[in-house]
PDB file of N, CA and C in Angstrom:
ATOM      1  N   MET A   1     -31.887 -31.348  10.283  1.00  0.00           N
ATOM      2  CA  MET A   1     -32.077 -30.084   9.590  1.00  0.00           C
ATOM      3  C   MET A   1     -33.305 -29.400  10.177  1.00  0.00           C
ATOM      4  N   ASP A   2     -33.161 -28.151  10.554  1.00  0.00           N
ATOM      5  CA  ASP A   2     -34.309 -27.493  11.170  1.00  0.00           C
ATOM      6  C   ASP A   2     -35.295 -27.008  10.103  1.00  0.00           C
ATOM      7  N   THR A   3     -36.467 -26.656  10.549  1.00  0.00           N
ATOM      8  CA  THR A   3     -37.574 -26.321   9.666  1.00  0.00           C
ATOM      9  C   THR A   3     -37.288 -25.083   8.818  1.00  0.00           C
ATOM     10  N   LYS A   4     -36.628 -24.101   9.393  1.00  0.00           N
ATOM     11  CA  LYS A   4     -36.358 -22.862   8.663  1.00  0.00           C
ATOM     12  C   LYS A   4     -35.482 -23.130   7.432  1.00  0.00           C
ATOM     13  N   LYS A   5     -34.436 -23.918   7.616  1.00  0.00           N
ATOM     14  CA  LYS A   5     -33.557 -24.241   6.487  1.00  0.00           C
ATOM     15  C   LYS A   5     -34.303 -25.041   5.422  1.00  0.00           C
ATOM     16  N   LEU A   6     -35.141 -25.963   5.870  1.00  0.00           N
ATOM     17  CA  LEU A   6     -35.906 -26.785   4.937  1.00  0.00           C
ATOM     18  C   LEU A   6     -36.864 -25.914   4.117  1.00  0.00           C
ATOM     19  N   LEU A   7     -37.546 -24.975   4.764  1.00  0.00           N
ATOM     20  CA  LEU A   7     -38.463 -24.090   4.045  1.00  0.00           C
ATOM     21  C   LEU A   7     -37.720 -23.197   3.054  1.00  0.00           C
ATOM     22  N   ILE A   8     -36.536 -22.731   3.414  1.00  0.00           N
ATOM     23  CA  ILE A   8     -35.743 -21.911   2.501  1.00  0.00           C
ATOM     24  C   ILE A   8     -35.332 -22.726   1.280  1.00  0.00           C
ATOM     25  N   ILE A   9     -34.892 -23.950   1.508  1.00  0.00           N
ATOM     26  CA  ILE A   9     -34.482 -24.816   0.394  1.00  0.00           C
ATOM     27  C   ILE A   9     -35.672 -25.112  -0.523  1.00  0.00           C
ATOM     28  N   VAL A  10     -36.816 -25.426   0.047  1.00  0.00           N
ATOM     29  CA  VAL A  10     -38.010 -25.701  -0.752  1.00  0.00           C
ATOM     30  C   VAL A  10     -38.415 -24.447  -1.536  1.00  0.00           C
ATOM     31  N   GLY A  11     -38.350 -23.273  -0.908  1.00  0.00           N
ATOM     32  CA  GLY A  11     -38.686 -22.025  -1.593  1.00  0.00           C
ATOM     33  C   GLY A  11     -37.757 -21.737  -2.759  1.00  0.00           C
ATOM     34  N   VAL A  12     -36.460 -21.941  -2.562  1.00  0.00           N
ATOM     35  CA  VAL A  12     -35.485 -21.712  -3.634  1.00  0.00           C
ATOM     36  C   VAL A  12     -35.717 -22.690  -4.782  1.00  0.00           C
ATOM     37  N   LEU A  13     -35.976 -23.940  -4.459  1.00  0.00           N
ATOM     38  CA  LEU A  13     -36.263 -24.929  -5.502  1.00  0.00           C
ATOM     39  C   LEU A  13     -37.536 -24.584  -6.270  1.00  0.00           C
ATOM     40  N   PHE A  14     -38.549 -24.120  -5.564  1.00  0.00           N
ATOM     41  CA  PHE A  14     -39.802 -23.748  -6.217  1.00  0.00           C
ATOM     42  C   PHE A  14     -39.599 -22.575  -7.168  1.00  0.00           C
ATOM     43  N   VAL A  15     -38.897 -21.537  -6.712  1.00  0.00           N
ATOM     44  CA  VAL A  15     -38.650 -20.374  -7.571  1.00  0.00           C
ATOM     45  C   VAL A  15     -37.778 -20.775  -8.756  1.00  0.00           C
ATOM     46  N   GLY A  16     -36.786 -21.611  -8.536  1.00  0.00           N
ATOM     47  CA  GLY A  16     -35.948 -22.092  -9.631  1.00  0.00           C
ATOM     48  C   GLY A  16     -36.752 -22.882 -10.658  1.00  0.00           C
ATOM     49  N   PHE A  17     -37.629 -23.760 -10.186  1.00  0.00           N
ATOM     50  CA  PHE A  17     -38.483 -24.519 -11.098  1.00  0.00           C
ATOM     51  C   PHE A  17     -39.387 -23.589 -11.880  1.00  0.00           C
ATOM     52  N   TRP A  18     -39.974 -22.601 -11.185  1.00  0.00           N
ATOM     53  CA  TRP A  18     -40.876 -21.640 -11.833  1.00  0.00           C
ATOM     54  C   TRP A  18     -40.115 -20.825 -12.875  1.00  0.00           C
ATOM     55  N   MET A  19     -38.859 -20.463 -12.565  1.00  0.00           N
ATOM     56  CA  MET A  19     -38.050 -19.670 -13.480  1.00  0.00           C
ATOM     57  C   MET A  19     -37.821 -20.429 -14.797  1.00  0.00           C
ATOM     58  N   PHE A  20     -37.621 -21.728 -14.705  1.00  0.00           N
ATOM     59  CA  PHE A  20     -37.356 -22.508 -15.918  1.00  0.00           C
ATOM     60  C   PHE A  20     -38.627 -22.876 -16.667  1.00  0.00           C
ATOM     61  N   THR A  21     -39.747 -23.040 -15.976  1.00  0.00           N
ATOM     62  CA  THR A  21     -40.979 -23.451 -16.651  1.00  0.00           C
ATOM     63  C   THR A  21     -41.804 -22.282 -17.152  1.00  0.00           C
ATOM     64  N   ASP A  22     -41.799 -21.137 -16.452  1.00  0.00           N
ATOM     65  CA  ASP A  22     -42.607 -19.982 -16.847  1.00  0.00           C
ATOM     66  C   ASP A  22     -41.895 -18.691 -16.469  1.00  0.00           C
ATOM     67  N   PRO A  23     -40.809 -18.345 -17.166  1.00  0.00           N
ATOM     68  CA  PRO A  23     -40.053 -17.150 -16.789  1.00  0.00           C
ATOM     69  C   PRO A  23     -40.845 -15.857 -16.968  1.00  0.00           C
ATOM     70  N   THR A  24     -41.727 -15.808 -17.972  1.00  0.00           N
ATOM     71  CA  THR A  24     -42.523 -14.603 -18.193  1.00  0.00           C
ATOM     72  C   THR A  24     -43.508 -14.385 -17.050  1.00  0.00           C
ATOM     73  N   GLY A  25     -44.132 -15.455 -16.586  1.00  0.00           N
ATOM     74  CA  GLY A  25     -45.069 -15.342 -15.469  1.00  0.00           C
ATOM     75  C   GLY A  25     -44.378 -14.898 -14.197  1.00  0.00           C
ATOM     76  N   LEU A  26     -43.188 -15.412 -13.946  1.00  0.00           N
ATOM     77  CA  LEU A  26     -42.430 -15.011 -12.762  1.00  0.00           C
ATOM     78  C   LEU A  26     -42.032 -13.547 -12.849  1.00  0.00           C
ATOM     79  N   ALA A  27     -41.615 -13.109 -14.042  1.00  0.00           N
ATOM     80  CA  ALA A  27     -41.233 -11.702 -14.224  1.00  0.00           C
ATOM     81  C   ALA A  27     -42.432 -10.781 -14.033  1.00  0.00           C
ATOM     82  N   ASP A  28     -43.585 -11.172 -14.556  1.00  0.00           N
ATOM     83  CA  ASP A  28     -44.794 -10.356 -14.388  1.00  0.00           C
ATOM     84  C   ASP A  28     -45.194 -10.260 -12.920  1.00  0.00           C
ATOM     85  N   LEU A  29     -45.119 -11.379 -12.211  1.00  0.00           N
ATOM     86  CA  LEU A  29     -45.460 -11.372 -10.793  1.00  0.00           C
ATOM     87  C   LEU A  29     -44.509 -10.483 -10.003  1.00  0.00           C
ATOM     88  N   THR A  30     -43.225 -10.566 -10.311  1.00  0.00           N
ATOM     89  CA  THR A  30     -42.226  -9.758  -9.615  1.00  0.00           C
ATOM     90  C   THR A  30     -42.453  -8.270  -9.883  1.00  0.00           C
ATOM     91  N   LYS A  31     -42.734  -7.940 -11.138  1.00  0.00           N
ATOM     92  CA  LYS A  31     -42.955  -6.540 -11.502  1.00  0.00           C
ATOM     93  C   LYS A  31     -44.198  -5.976 -10.808  1.00  0.00           C
ATOM     94  N   SER A  32     -45.296  -6.728 -10.839  1.00  0.00           N
ATOM     95  CA  SER A  32     -46.521  -6.241 -10.212  1.00  0.00           C
ATOM     96  C   SER A  32     -46.378  -6.200  -8.689  1.00  0.00           C
ATOM     97  N   GLY A  33     -45.654  -7.161  -8.125  1.00  0.00           N
ATOM     98  CA  GLY A  33     -45.427  -7.169  -6.672  1.00  0.00           C
ATOM     99  C   GLY A  33     -44.612  -5.971  -6.224  1.00  0.00           C
ATOM    100  N   GLY A  34     -43.603  -5.614  -7.013  1.00  0.00           N
ATOM    101  CA  GLY A  34     -42.795  -4.435  -6.680  1.00  0.00           C
ATOM    102  C   GLY A  34     -43.616  -3.155  -6.742  1.00  0.00           C
ATOM    103  N   GLY A  35     -44.447  -3.047  -7.750  1.00  0.00           N
ATOM    104  CA  GLY A  35     -45.308  -1.862  -7.875  1.00  0.00           C
ATOM    105  C   GLY A  35     -46.313  -1.774  -6.742  1.00  0.00           C
ATOM    106  N   ASN A  36     -46.907  -2.911  -6.388  1.00  0.00           N
ATOM    107  CA  ASN A  36     -47.873  -2.924  -5.288  1.00  0.00           C
ATOM    108  C   ASN A  36     -47.191  -2.627  -3.962  1.00  0.00           C
ATOM    109  N   GLY A  37     -45.983  -3.127  -3.784  1.00  0.00           N
ATOM    110  CA  GLY A  37     -45.242  -2.842  -2.554  1.00  0.00           C
ATOM    111  C   GLY A  37     -44.938  -1.359  -2.421  1.00  0.00           C
ATOM    112  N   TRP A  38     -44.554  -0.732  -3.524  1.00  0.00           N
ATOM    113  CA  TRP A  38     -44.266   0.706  -3.494  1.00  0.00           C
ATOM    114  C   TRP A  38     -45.527   1.496  -3.167  1.00  0.00           C
ATOM    115  N   ASP A  39     -46.675   1.091  -3.736  1.00  0.00           N
ATOM    116  CA  ASP A  39     -47.936   1.772  -3.430  1.00  0.00           C
ATOM    117  C   ASP A  39     -48.282   1.656  -1.949  1.00  0.00           C
ATOM    118  N   LEU A  40     -48.048   0.492  -1.354  1.00  0.00           N
ATOM    119  CA  LEU A  40     -48.325   0.311   0.069  1.00  0.00           C
ATOM    120  C   LEU A  40     -47.423   1.183   0.934  1.00  0.00           C
ATOM    121  N   ILE A  41     -46.148   1.299   0.546  1.00  0.00           N
ATOM    122  CA  ILE A  41     -45.216   2.149   1.295  1.00  0.00           C
ATOM    123  C   ILE A  41     -45.653   3.607   1.223  1.00  0.00           C
ATOM    124  N   GLN A  42     -46.036   4.066   0.035  1.00  0.00           N
ATOM    125  CA  GLN A  42     -46.496   5.446  -0.120  1.00  0.00           C
ATOM    126  C   GLN A  42     -47.737   5.702   0.724  1.00  0.00           C
ATOM    127  N   GLU A  43     -48.677   4.786   0.698  1.00  0.00           N
ATOM    128  CA  GLU A  43     -49.905   4.943   1.477  1.00  0.00           C
ATOM    129  C   GLU A  43     -49.604   4.974   2.976  1.00  0.00           C
ATOM    130  N   ALA A  44     -48.681   4.140   3.421  1.00  0.00           N
ATOM    131  CA  ALA A  44     -48.328   4.122   4.838  1.00  0.00           C
ATOM    132  C   ALA A  44     -47.724   5.455   5.257  1.00  0.00           C
ATOM    133  N   PHE A  45     -46.807   6.012   4.457  1.00  0.00           N
ATOM    134  CA  PHE A  45     -46.213   7.299   4.802  1.00  0.00           C
ATOM    135  C   PHE A  45     -47.251   8.419   4.780  1.00  0.00           C
ATOM    136  N   GLU A  46     -48.170   8.381   3.815  1.00  0.00           N
ATOM    137  CA  GLU A  46     -49.228   9.395   3.782  1.00  0.00           C
ATOM    138  C   GLU A  46     -50.093   9.319   5.037  1.00  0.00           C
ATOM    139  N   ASN A  47     -50.386   8.103   5.485  1.00  0.00           N
ATOM    140  CA  ASN A  47     -51.191   7.943   6.696  1.00  0.00           C
ATOM    141  C   ASN A  47     -50.446   8.427   7.938  1.00  0.00           C
ATOM    142  N   VAL A  48     -49.146   8.185   8.012  1.00  0.00           N
ATOM    143  CA  VAL A  48     -48.356   8.668   9.143  1.00  0.00           C
ATOM    144  C   VAL A  48     -48.324  10.191   9.144  1.00  0.00           C
ATOM    145  N   ILE A  49     -48.151  10.792   7.972  1.00  0.00           N
ATOM    146  CA  ILE A  49     -48.129  12.262   7.877  1.00  0.00           C
ATOM    147  C   ILE A  49     -49.481  12.836   8.286  1.00  0.00           C
ATOM    148  N   ASP A  50     -50.580  12.223   7.817  1.00  0.00           N
ATOM    149  CA  ASP A  50     -51.913  12.686   8.214  1.00  0.00           C
ATOM    150  C   ASP A  50     -52.109  12.570   9.723  1.00  0.00           C
ATOM    151  N   PHE A  51     -51.639  11.491  10.314  1.00  0.00           N
ATOM    152  CA  PHE A  51     -51.774  11.287  11.757  1.00  0.00           C
ATOM    153  C   PHE A  51     -50.999  12.360  12.521  1.00  0.00           C
ATOM    154  N   ILE A  52     -49.791  12.636  12.090  1.00  0.00           N
ATOM    155  CA  ILE A  52     -48.971  13.650  12.767  1.00  0.00           C
ATOM    156  C   ILE A  52     -49.601  15.018  12.609  1.00  0.00           C
ATOM    157  N   ASN A  53     -50.162  15.314  11.432  1.00  0.00           N
ATOM    158  CA  ASN A  53     -50.818  16.611  11.233  1.00  0.00           C
ATOM    159  C   ASN A  53     -52.051  16.757  12.123  1.00  0.00           C
ATOM    160  N   GLU A  54     -52.746  15.664  12.398  1.00  0.00           N
ATOM    161  CA  GLU A  54     -53.908  15.723  13.277  1.00  0.00           C
ATOM    162  C   GLU A  54     -53.505  15.959  14.726  1.00  0.00           C
ATOM    163  N   LEU A  55     -52.305  15.519  15.101  1.00  0.00           N
ATOM    164  CA  LEU A  55     -51.838  15.728  16.476  1.00  0.00           C
ATOM    165  C   LEU A  55     -51.439  17.176  16.717  1.00  0.00           C
ATOM    166  N   VAL A  56     -50.967  17.845  15.691  1.00  0.00           N
ATOM    167  CA  VAL A  56     -50.460  19.216  15.848  1.00  0.00           C
ATOM    168  C   VAL A  56     -51.571  20.208  15.863  1.00  0.00           C
TER     169      VAL A  56
END
């Protein structure tokens, strides 16, 4: 079994264990991670727009 498959299996088992032991904590982490990811995407697009405006 190669390393990539092993890491995927371990990750799935870890998330499954976390889901059963602390579902509220997992939901909070997922919600905050999604919000932070969206903020990073917005900031990246704003920086690209600023860069393009400086070139023009």
